[in-house]
Amino acid sequence: MSAVVGSLYGRYKIPGNLSPRTLEGFTAFLLTAYVWVRFGMRGGEMEEMDLLGIYIVSAMEAGTEGIDNIILPVLGAVIWA
């Protein structure tokens, strides 16, 4: 989802990031992760630590290039284990 939004609508590059990631793609990932954790994993209820986990995974997605398909699932599994 973030790749599609970033590719189609991304105008603002993330400052200090060498990858082509955009703020629009980051926001799309953040919102998608929030919806998934809230309704897919937690059944409509969330804890404060869930929000921190969502932000950490989103920040890692924005800061990695090429290895995000390996890093993000492992990081998510560690956070929500």
Protein backbone atom coordinates (compact mmCIF):
# COMPACT_ATOMS: atom_id res chain seq x y z
CA MET A 1 0.00 0.00 0.00
CA SER A 2 2.74 2.46 0.91
CA ALA A 3 4.62 1.78 -2.32
CA VAL A 4 1.53 2.48 -4.41
CA VAL A 5 0.65 5.68 -2.56
CA GLY A 6 4.26 6.85 -2.52
CA SER A 7 4.71 6.16 -6.23
CA LEU A 8 1.47 7.78 -7.33
CA TYR A 9 1.14 10.68 -4.91
CA GLY A 10 4.56 11.05 -3.28
CA ARG A 11 5.99 14.55 -3.62
CA TYR A 12 7.91 15.05 -0.41
CA LYS A 13 11.02 12.95 0.14
CA ILE A 14 11.85 11.95 3.69
CA PRO A 15 14.62 14.32 4.86
CA GLY A 16 18.00 12.68 5.41
CA ASN A 17 16.93 9.43 3.77
CA LEU A 18 18.93 8.19 0.78
CA SER A 19 16.11 5.92 -0.40
CA PRO A 20 13.29 7.20 -2.61
CA ARG A 21 10.76 6.93 0.24
CA THR A 22 8.22 9.73 0.61
CA LEU A 23 6.21 11.17 3.47
CA GLU A 24 3.02 10.19 1.67
CA GLY A 25 4.14 6.56 1.48
CA PHE A 26 5.19 6.66 5.14
CA THR A 27 1.77 8.00 6.11
CA ALA A 28 0.03 5.30 4.06
CA PHE A 29 2.08 2.60 5.80
CA LEU A 30 1.39 4.12 9.22
CA LEU A 31 -2.37 4.20 8.61
CA THR A 32 -2.44 0.70 7.10
CA ALA A 33 -0.48 -0.70 10.05
CA TYR A 34 -2.83 1.04 12.48
CA VAL A 35 -5.93 -0.43 10.83
CA TRP A 36 -4.35 -3.89 10.66
CA VAL A 37 -3.26 -3.93 14.30
CA ARG A 38 -6.48 -2.42 15.61
CA PHE A 39 -9.00 -4.48 13.65
CA GLY A 40 -7.01 -7.47 12.38
CA MET A 41 -5.00 -8.38 15.45
CA ARG A 42 -6.78 -6.79 18.39
CA GLY A 43 -10.45 -6.99 17.43
CA GLY A 44 -11.04 -3.25 17.81
CA GLU A 45 -9.09 -2.69 21.03
CA MET A 46 -5.53 -1.44 21.30
CA GLU A 47 -2.95 -0.86 23.99
CA GLU A 48 -0.59 2.10 24.17
CA MET A 49 2.35 -0.14 23.32
CA ASP A 50 0.63 -1.08 20.07
CA LEU A 51 0.87 2.55 18.93
CA LEU A 52 4.57 2.62 19.78
CA GLY A 53 5.09 -0.63 17.87
CA ILE A 54 3.26 0.75 14.85
CA TYR A 55 5.46 3.84 14.85
CA ILE A 56 8.68 1.81 15.22
CA VAL A 57 7.78 -0.53 12.35
CA SER A 58 6.70 2.43 10.19
CA ALA A 59 9.95 4.27 10.88
CA MET A 60 11.96 1.17 10.00
CA GLU A 61 10.00 0.81 6.76
CA ALA A 62 10.80 4.40 5.86
CA GLY A 63 14.49 4.00 6.69
CA THR A 64 15.27 0.72 4.95
CA GLU A 65 15.83 0.05 1.29
CA GLY A 66 15.60 -3.40 -0.26
CA ILE A 67 15.70 -5.43 2.96
CA ASP A 68 12.41 -4.19 4.38
CA ASN A 69 10.63 -7.39 3.34
CA ILE A 70 12.93 -9.29 5.69
CA ILE A 71 13.30 -6.77 8.51
CA LEU A 72 9.68 -5.66 8.98
CA PRO A 73 8.07 -9.09 9.55
CA VAL A 74 10.82 -10.07 11.99
CA LEU A 75 10.54 -6.75 13.84
CA GLY A 76 6.75 -7.03 13.96
CA ALA A 77 6.98 -10.58 15.31
CA VAL A 78 9.36 -9.46 18.04
CA ILE A 79 7.18 -6.50 19.04
CA TRP A 80 3.85 -8.36 19.08
CA ALA A 81 5.11 -11.71 20.40
